[in-house]
Amino acid sequence: MSDSIHAFEQRIAYAFANPDLLEQALTHASLDTPAGDNQRLEFLGDAILDLVVAERLYREYPELDEGGLDRLRAALVNGKTLAALAHEIGLAGVLRVSEAQHQHHPDPSKAMLEDALEALLGAVYLDGGLEAARTVVHHIFEKAFQASDPEQSRNPKSQLQEWTQAQHQGAIPEYHELPAEGPDHDRSYHAAVHFQDKEIGRGCGSSKKAAEHAAAQAALEALELN
């Protein structure tokens, strides 16, 4: 094991029993290796992260309803937060990419760091189980958890409308329903929010209302208002 990988494991407070899983988590899709890249682990890690964050918020904020918890979770696991935390633990220094990718983009993009962080959590889960993944999430996200503000759970539709009215002489955003997906018992609804004839955000959720909230949250993030 290289010194850099050993130092990285110390930063995340977890030592892999199977180092191949860590290597795969740190392998970008641009690098063609027999062991594969981190895309499948990213899929798994995304689900693990949502579960662990939702569990902690559920326990720590008993006063928040479903919508408030969901919005607070979204503020914790959005791309901006993930990229910042990936930088903090030094993921950029251990991420493996192809030479062509490195020459074209010497520094990993935010999207690459987000994906690698989720892949890392998926690898920890496979290596040590849910409790290990929970411990690593709490370790990496502790400052973000401590900085969580229930005020962030304020309805994003209201936040967006307040901004558009203040900045554009009372104008308000419009929400458009998009085709739903999935079977009737597990429907996923989609919505887009438009402002001044331009789409500014999309979202999905377990109801039409949740989808609109998610679209508004995406718009707030795109406008850098949240």
C-alpha atoms as a PDB file:
ATOM      1  CA  MET A   1       0.000   0.000   0.000  1.00  0.00           C
ATOM      2  CA  SER A   2       1.353   3.421  -0.962  1.00  0.00           C
ATOM      3  CA  ASP A   3       1.894   6.105   1.643  1.00  0.00           C
ATOM      4  CA  SER A   4      -0.695   8.324  -0.039  1.00  0.00           C
ATOM      5  CA  ILE A   5      -3.393   5.640   0.180  1.00  0.00           C
ATOM      6  CA  HIS A   6      -2.492   4.887   3.795  1.00  0.00           C
ATOM      7  CA  ALA A   7      -2.771   8.600   4.616  1.00  0.00           C
ATOM      8  CA  PHE A   8      -6.089   8.751   2.783  1.00  0.00           C
ATOM      9  CA  GLU A   9      -7.465   5.873   4.849  1.00  0.00           C
ATOM     10  CA  GLN A  10      -6.428   7.732   7.979  1.00  0.00           C
ATOM     11  CA  ARG A  11      -8.304  10.826   6.799  1.00  0.00           C
ATOM     12  CA  ILE A  12     -11.521   8.873   6.293  1.00  0.00           C
ATOM     13  CA  ALA A  13     -10.970   6.895   9.520  1.00  0.00           C
ATOM     14  CA  TYR A  14     -11.368   3.544   7.784  1.00  0.00           C
ATOM     15  CA  ALA A  15      -8.862   0.872   6.722  1.00  0.00           C
ATOM     16  CA  PHE A  16     -10.024  -1.453   3.956  1.00  0.00           C
ATOM     17  CA  ALA A  17      -9.799  -5.200   4.497  1.00  0.00           C
ATOM     18  CA  ASN A  18     -10.029  -5.561   0.720  1.00  0.00           C
ATOM     19  CA  PRO A  19      -7.847  -2.839  -0.859  1.00  0.00           C
ATOM     20  CA  ASP A  20      -9.131  -3.779  -4.321  1.00  0.00           C
ATOM     21  CA  LEU A  21     -12.461  -2.190  -3.421  1.00  0.00           C
ATOM     22  CA  LEU A  22     -10.757   1.072  -2.530  1.00  0.00           C
ATOM     23  CA  GLU A  23      -8.741   0.966  -5.745  1.00  0.00           C
ATOM     24  CA  GLN A  24     -11.912   0.493  -7.771  1.00  0.00           C
ATOM     25  CA  ALA A  25     -13.651   3.353  -5.939  1.00  0.00           C
ATOM     26  CA  LEU A  26     -10.756   5.625  -6.850  1.00  0.00           C
ATOM     27  CA  THR A  27     -10.716   4.626 -10.537  1.00  0.00           C
ATOM     28  CA  HIS A  28     -12.404   7.068 -12.922  1.00  0.00           C
ATOM     29  CA  ALA A  29     -14.229   5.745 -15.980  1.00  0.00           C
ATOM     30  CA  SER A  30     -11.584   7.255 -18.272  1.00  0.00           C
ATOM     31  CA  LEU A  31      -9.079   4.657 -17.050  1.00  0.00           C
ATOM     32  CA  ASP A  32      -9.611   1.281 -18.706  1.00  0.00           C
ATOM     33  CA  THR A  33      -8.558  -1.412 -16.234  1.00  0.00           C
ATOM     34  CA  PRO A  34      -9.504  -5.102 -15.859  1.00  0.00           C
ATOM     35  CA  ALA A  35     -10.902  -4.384 -12.391  1.00  0.00           C
ATOM     36  CA  GLY A  36     -13.315  -1.796 -13.772  1.00  0.00           C
ATOM     37  CA  ASP A  37     -14.116   1.760 -12.721  1.00  0.00           C
ATOM     38  CA  ASN A  38     -16.126   3.334  -9.931  1.00  0.00           C
ATOM     39  CA  GLN A  39     -19.467   3.880 -11.685  1.00  0.00           C
ATOM     40  CA  ARG A  40     -21.307   0.900 -10.171  1.00  0.00           C
ATOM     41  CA  LEU A  41     -19.923   1.691  -6.735  1.00  0.00           C
ATOM     42  CA  GLU A  42     -21.147   5.262  -7.173  1.00  0.00           C
ATOM     43  CA  PHE A  43     -24.685   3.963  -7.716  1.00  0.00           C
ATOM     44  CA  LEU A  44     -24.487   1.952  -4.498  1.00  0.00           C
ATOM     45  CA  GLY A  45     -22.828   4.710  -2.503  1.00  0.00           C
ATOM     46  CA  ASP A  46     -25.481   7.232  -3.487  1.00  0.00           C
ATOM     47  CA  ALA A  47     -28.144   5.023  -1.906  1.00  0.00           C
ATOM     48  CA  ILE A  48     -26.034   4.414   1.213  1.00  0.00           C
ATOM     49  CA  LEU A  49     -25.423   8.132   1.662  1.00  0.00           C
ATOM     50  CA  ASP A  50     -29.111   8.969   1.350  1.00  0.00           C
ATOM     51  CA  LEU A  51     -30.002   6.297   3.910  1.00  0.00           C
ATOM     52  CA  VAL A  52     -27.425   7.306   6.516  1.00  0.00           C
ATOM     53  CA  VAL A  53     -28.111  11.036   6.194  1.00  0.00           C
ATOM     54  CA  ALA A  54     -31.879  10.501   6.304  1.00  0.00           C
ATOM     55  CA  GLU A  55     -31.528   8.288   9.376  1.00  0.00           C
ATOM     56  CA  ARG A  56     -29.501  10.874  11.288  1.00  0.00           C
ATOM     57  CA  LEU A  57     -31.781  13.762  10.375  1.00  0.00           C
ATOM     58  CA  TYR A  58     -34.825  11.711  11.371  1.00  0.00           C
ATOM     59  CA  ARG A  59     -33.335  11.160  14.823  1.00  0.00           C
ATOM     60  CA  GLU A  60     -31.972  14.680  15.349  1.00  0.00           C
ATOM     61  CA  TYR A  61     -34.937  16.713  14.105  1.00  0.00           C
ATOM     62  CA  PRO A  62     -38.149  15.122  15.466  1.00  0.00           C
ATOM     63  CA  GLU A  63     -39.971  18.426  14.955  1.00  0.00           C
ATOM     64  CA  LEU A  64     -39.542  18.416  11.163  1.00  0.00           C
ATOM     65  CA  ASP A  65     -42.137  16.903   8.853  1.00  0.00           C
ATOM     66  CA  GLU A  66     -41.334  14.783   5.803  1.00  0.00           C
ATOM     67  CA  GLY A  67     -40.884  17.771   3.522  1.00  0.00           C
ATOM     68  CA  GLY A  68     -38.602  19.558   5.973  1.00  0.00           C
ATOM     69  CA  LEU A  69     -36.438  16.487   6.448  1.00  0.00           C
ATOM     70  CA  ASP A  70     -36.212  15.949   2.707  1.00  0.00           C
ATOM     71  CA  ARG A  71     -35.132  19.522   2.055  1.00  0.00           C
ATOM     72  CA  LEU A  72     -32.545  19.413   4.839  1.00  0.00           C
ATOM     73  CA  ARG A  73     -31.188  16.137   3.430  1.00  0.00           C
ATOM     74  CA  ALA A  74     -30.987  17.700  -0.041  1.00  0.00           C
ATOM     75  CA  ALA A  75     -28.926  20.564   1.366  1.00  0.00           C
ATOM     76  CA  LEU A  76     -26.467  18.049   2.845  1.00  0.00           C
ATOM     77  CA  VAL A  77     -26.026  15.744  -0.135  1.00  0.00           C
ATOM     78  CA  ASN A  78     -26.087  18.209  -3.005  1.00  0.00           C
ATOM     79  CA  GLY A  79     -23.205  18.316  -5.455  1.00  0.00           C
ATOM     80  CA  LYS A  80     -21.659  21.461  -4.003  1.00  0.00           C
ATOM     81  CA  THR A  81     -21.389  19.914  -0.531  1.00  0.00           C
ATOM     82  CA  LEU A  82     -20.088  16.579  -1.826  1.00  0.00           C
ATOM     83  CA  ALA A  83     -17.383  18.217  -3.927  1.00  0.00           C
ATOM     84  CA  ALA A  84     -16.254  20.361  -0.980  1.00  0.00           C
ATOM     85  CA  LEU A  85     -16.063  17.353   1.343  1.00  0.00           C
ATOM     86  CA  ALA A  86     -14.214  15.332  -1.302  1.00  0.00           C
ATOM     87  CA  HIS A  87     -11.606  18.106  -1.415  1.00  0.00           C
ATOM     88  CA  GLU A  88     -11.344  18.106   2.380  1.00  0.00           C
ATOM     89  CA  ILE A  89     -10.463  14.415   2.548  1.00  0.00           C
ATOM     90  CA  GLY A  90      -8.002  14.704  -0.336  1.00  0.00           C
ATOM     91  CA  LEU A  91      -9.861  12.650  -2.925  1.00  0.00           C
ATOM     92  CA  ALA A  92      -8.413  14.706  -5.771  1.00  0.00           C
ATOM     93  CA  GLY A  93      -4.921  13.525  -4.864  1.00  0.00           C
ATOM     94  CA  VAL A  94      -5.707   9.806  -5.005  1.00  0.00           C
ATOM     95  CA  LEU A  95      -8.260   9.633  -7.821  1.00  0.00           C
ATOM     96  CA  ARG A  96      -6.936   7.560 -10.731  1.00  0.00           C
ATOM     97  CA  VAL A  97      -7.661   8.898 -14.228  1.00  0.00           C
ATOM     98  CA  SER A  98      -6.306   8.233 -17.713  1.00  0.00           C
ATOM     99  CA  GLU A  99      -3.332  10.210 -18.982  1.00  0.00           C
ATOM    100  CA  ALA A 100      -5.519  11.783 -21.658  1.00  0.00           C
ATOM    101  CA  GLN A 101      -8.050  12.871 -19.042  1.00  0.00           C
ATOM    102  CA  HIS A 102      -5.295  14.294 -16.854  1.00  0.00           C
ATOM    103  CA  GLN A 103      -3.753  16.262 -19.717  1.00  0.00           C
ATOM    104  CA  HIS A 104      -7.128  17.640 -20.752  1.00  0.00           C
ATOM    105  CA  HIS A 105      -8.255  18.376 -17.171  1.00  0.00           C
ATOM    106  CA  PRO A 106      -5.282  18.395 -14.744  1.00  0.00           C
ATOM    107  CA  ASP A 107      -7.623  18.812 -11.777  1.00  0.00           C
ATOM    108  CA  PRO A 108     -10.658  16.554 -11.252  1.00  0.00           C
ATOM    109  CA  SER A 109     -13.976  18.268 -11.906  1.00  0.00           C
ATOM    110  CA  LYS A 110     -16.566  18.709  -9.180  1.00  0.00           C
ATOM    111  CA  ALA A 111     -18.671  15.989 -10.794  1.00  0.00           C
ATOM    112  CA  MET A 112     -15.749  13.553 -10.740  1.00  0.00           C
ATOM    113  CA  LEU A 113     -15.153  14.256  -7.047  1.00  0.00           C
ATOM    114  CA  GLU A 114     -18.838  13.867  -6.174  1.00  0.00           C
ATOM    115  CA  ASP A 115     -18.967  10.532  -7.992  1.00  0.00           C
ATOM    116  CA  ALA A 116     -15.759   9.311  -6.367  1.00  0.00           C
ATOM    117  CA  LEU A 117     -16.992  10.190  -2.878  1.00  0.00           C
ATOM    118  CA  GLU A 118     -20.195   8.235  -3.421  1.00  0.00           C
ATOM    119  CA  ALA A 119     -18.193   5.346  -4.890  1.00  0.00           C
ATOM    120  CA  LEU A 120     -15.969   5.404  -1.812  1.00  0.00           C
ATOM    121  CA  LEU A 121     -18.999   5.009   0.444  1.00  0.00           C
ATOM    122  CA  GLY A 122     -20.241   2.134  -1.698  1.00  0.00           C
ATOM    123  CA  ALA A 123     -16.856   0.444  -1.363  1.00  0.00           C
ATOM    124  CA  VAL A 124     -16.840   0.899   2.419  1.00  0.00           C
ATOM    125  CA  TYR A 125     -20.293  -0.680   2.592  1.00  0.00           C
ATOM    126  CA  LEU A 126     -19.174  -3.723   0.592  1.00  0.00           C
ATOM    127  CA  ASP A 127     -15.977  -4.013   2.624  1.00  0.00           C
ATOM    128  CA  GLY A 128     -17.337  -3.529   6.130  1.00  0.00           C
ATOM    129  CA  GLY A 129     -21.121  -3.446   6.020  1.00  0.00           C
ATOM    130  CA  LEU A 130     -23.676  -0.793   6.881  1.00  0.00           C
ATOM    131  CA  GLU A 131     -22.242   0.086  10.287  1.00  0.00           C
ATOM    132  CA  ALA A 132     -18.838   0.806   8.751  1.00  0.00           C
ATOM    133  CA  ALA A 133     -20.447   2.957   6.052  1.00  0.00           C
ATOM    134  CA  ARG A 134     -22.485   4.791   8.683  1.00  0.00           C
ATOM    135  CA  THR A 135     -19.349   5.531  10.701  1.00  0.00           C
ATOM    136  CA  VAL A 136     -17.470   6.859   7.667  1.00  0.00           C
ATOM    137  CA  VAL A 137     -20.395   9.048   6.574  1.00  0.00           C
ATOM    138  CA  HIS A 138     -20.664  10.527  10.067  1.00  0.00           C
ATOM    139  CA  HIS A 139     -16.908  11.134  10.138  1.00  0.00           C
ATOM    140  CA  ILE A 140     -16.727  12.842   6.742  1.00  0.00           C
ATOM    141  CA  PHE A 141     -19.980  14.785   7.086  1.00  0.00           C
ATOM    142  CA  GLU A 142     -19.750  15.704  10.776  1.00  0.00           C
ATOM    143  CA  LYS A 143     -19.032  19.400  10.195  1.00  0.00           C
ATOM    144  CA  ALA A 144     -21.814  19.551   7.623  1.00  0.00           C
ATOM    145  CA  PHE A 145     -24.215  17.885  10.067  1.00  0.00           C
ATOM    146  CA  GLN A 146     -23.229  20.343  12.787  1.00  0.00           C
ATOM    147  CA  ALA A 147     -23.793  23.253  10.421  1.00  0.00           C
ATOM    148  CA  SER A 148     -27.220  21.979   9.370  1.00  0.00           C
ATOM    149  CA  ASP A 149     -29.835  24.649   9.806  1.00  0.00           C
ATOM    150  CA  PRO A 150     -33.514  23.681  10.074  1.00  0.00           C
ATOM    151  CA  GLU A 151     -34.217  27.027   8.389  1.00  0.00           C
ATOM    152  CA  GLN A 152     -32.851  25.393   5.241  1.00  0.00           C
ATOM    153  CA  SER A 153     -35.925  23.185   5.360  1.00  0.00           C
ATOM    154  CA  ARG A 154     -38.097  26.178   4.508  1.00  0.00           C
ATOM    155  CA  ASN A 155     -40.233  25.464   1.460  1.00  0.00           C
ATOM    156  CA  PRO A 156     -37.965  25.974  -1.594  1.00  0.00           C
ATOM    157  CA  LYS A 157     -40.981  27.027  -3.691  1.00  0.00           C
ATOM    158  CA  SER A 158     -41.572  29.903  -1.287  1.00  0.00           C
ATOM    159  CA  GLN A 159     -37.884  30.831  -1.309  1.00  0.00           C
ATOM    160  CA  LEU A 160     -37.771  30.848  -5.093  1.00  0.00           C
ATOM    161  CA  GLN A 161     -40.955  32.886  -5.416  1.00  0.00           C
ATOM    162  CA  GLU A 162     -39.735  35.420  -2.853  1.00  0.00           C
ATOM    163  CA  TRP A 163     -36.577  35.893  -4.918  1.00  0.00           C
ATOM    164  CA  THR A 164     -38.316  36.204  -8.298  1.00  0.00           C
ATOM    165  CA  GLN A 165     -40.841  38.685  -6.922  1.00  0.00           C
ATOM    166  CA  ALA A 166     -38.151  40.795  -5.274  1.00  0.00           C
ATOM    167  CA  GLN A 167     -35.761  40.766  -8.212  1.00  0.00           C
ATOM    168  CA  HIS A 168     -38.215  40.896 -11.106  1.00  0.00           C
ATOM    169  CA  GLN A 169     -41.074  43.202 -10.107  1.00  0.00           C
ATOM    170  CA  GLY A 170     -43.461  40.628  -8.706  1.00  0.00           C
ATOM    171  CA  ALA A 171     -42.965  37.968 -11.385  1.00  0.00           C
ATOM    172  CA  ILE A 172     -43.470  34.375 -10.241  1.00  0.00           C
ATOM    173  CA  PRO A 173     -42.113  31.026 -11.487  1.00  0.00           C
ATOM    174  CA  GLU A 174     -44.332  28.463 -13.210  1.00  0.00           C
ATOM    175  CA  TYR A 175     -44.281  24.694 -12.637  1.00  0.00           C
ATOM    176  CA  HIS A 176     -44.860  22.145 -15.388  1.00  0.00           C
ATOM    177  CA  GLU A 177     -45.634  18.496 -14.832  1.00  0.00           C
ATOM    178  CA  LEU A 178     -43.412  16.070 -16.759  1.00  0.00           C
ATOM    179  CA  PRO A 179     -44.165  12.401 -17.550  1.00  0.00           C
ATOM    180  CA  ALA A 180     -44.164  10.177 -14.470  1.00  0.00           C
ATOM    181  CA  GLU A 181     -42.239   6.905 -14.347  1.00  0.00           C
ATOM    182  CA  GLY A 182     -42.594   3.540 -12.667  1.00  0.00           C
ATOM    183  CA  PRO A 183     -45.473   1.268 -11.657  1.00  0.00           C
ATOM    184  CA  ASP A 184     -48.558   2.653  -9.907  1.00  0.00           C
ATOM    185  CA  HIS A 185     -47.414   1.412  -6.484  1.00  0.00           C
ATOM    186  CA  ASP A 186     -43.995   3.036  -6.838  1.00  0.00           C
ATOM    187  CA  ARG A 187     -44.562   6.098  -9.013  1.00  0.00           C
ATOM    188  CA  SER A 188     -41.839   8.681  -9.569  1.00  0.00           C
ATOM    189  CA  TYR A 189     -43.145  12.133 -10.496  1.00  0.00           C
ATOM    190  CA  HIS A 190     -41.182  14.756 -12.398  1.00  0.00           C
ATOM    191  CA  ALA A 191     -41.572  18.516 -12.700  1.00  0.00           C
ATOM    192  CA  ALA A 192     -39.796  21.483 -14.251  1.00  0.00           C
ATOM    193  CA  VAL A 193     -39.887  25.084 -13.074  1.00  0.00           C
ATOM    194  CA  HIS A 194     -39.824  27.906 -15.631  1.00  0.00           C
ATOM    195  CA  PHE A 195     -39.200  31.595 -15.169  1.00  0.00           C
ATOM    196  CA  GLN A 196     -39.507  34.197 -17.901  1.00  0.00           C
ATOM    197  CA  ASP A 197     -40.018  31.434 -20.482  1.00  0.00           C
ATOM    198  CA  LYS A 198     -36.824  29.622 -19.479  1.00  0.00           C
ATOM    199  CA  GLU A 199     -36.460  26.343 -17.596  1.00  0.00           C
ATOM    200  CA  ILE A 200     -34.403  26.944 -14.461  1.00  0.00           C
ATOM    201  CA  GLY A 201     -34.731  23.616 -12.641  1.00  0.00           C
ATOM    202  CA  ARG A 202     -36.024  20.054 -12.712  1.00  0.00           C
ATOM    203  CA  GLY A 203     -36.829  17.620  -9.949  1.00  0.00           C
ATOM    204  CA  CYS A 204     -38.470  14.325  -9.103  1.00  0.00           C
ATOM    205  CA  GLY A 205     -40.233  12.913  -6.069  1.00  0.00           C
ATOM    206  CA  SER A 206     -42.800  10.479  -4.757  1.00  0.00           C
ATOM    207  CA  SER A 207     -45.621  12.975  -5.400  1.00  0.00           C
ATOM    208  CA  LYS A 208     -46.303  15.882  -7.748  1.00  0.00           C
ATOM    209  CA  LYS A 209     -45.775  18.277  -4.833  1.00  0.00           C
ATOM    210  CA  ALA A 210     -42.441  16.685  -3.920  1.00  0.00           C
ATOM    211  CA  ALA A 211     -41.330  16.894  -7.556  1.00  0.00           C
ATOM    212  CA  GLU A 212     -42.125  20.614  -7.647  1.00  0.00           C
ATOM    213  CA  HIS A 213     -40.227  21.142  -4.394  1.00  0.00           C
ATOM    214  CA  ALA A 214     -37.231  19.315  -5.867  1.00  0.00           C
ATOM    215  CA  ALA A 215     -37.409  21.418  -9.039  1.00  0.00           C
ATOM    216  CA  ALA A 216     -37.478  24.613  -6.974  1.00  0.00           C
ATOM    217  CA  GLN A 217     -34.508  23.380  -4.913  1.00  0.00           C
ATOM    218  CA  ALA A 218     -32.582  22.669  -8.126  1.00  0.00           C
ATOM    219  CA  ALA A 219     -33.386  26.177  -9.355  1.00  0.00           C
ATOM    220  CA  LEU A 220     -32.196  27.736  -6.085  1.00  0.00           C
ATOM    221  CA  GLU A 221     -28.905  25.836  -6.371  1.00  0.00           C
ATOM    222  CA  ALA A 222     -28.495  26.789 -10.038  1.00  0.00           C
ATOM    223  CA  LEU A 223     -29.095  30.439  -9.130  1.00  0.00           C
ATOM    224  CA  GLU A 224     -26.688  30.001  -6.179  1.00  0.00           C
ATOM    225  CA  LEU A 225     -29.355  31.131  -3.738  1.00  0.00           C
ATOM    226  CA  ASN A 226     -28.961  28.059  -1.500  1.00  0.00           C
END
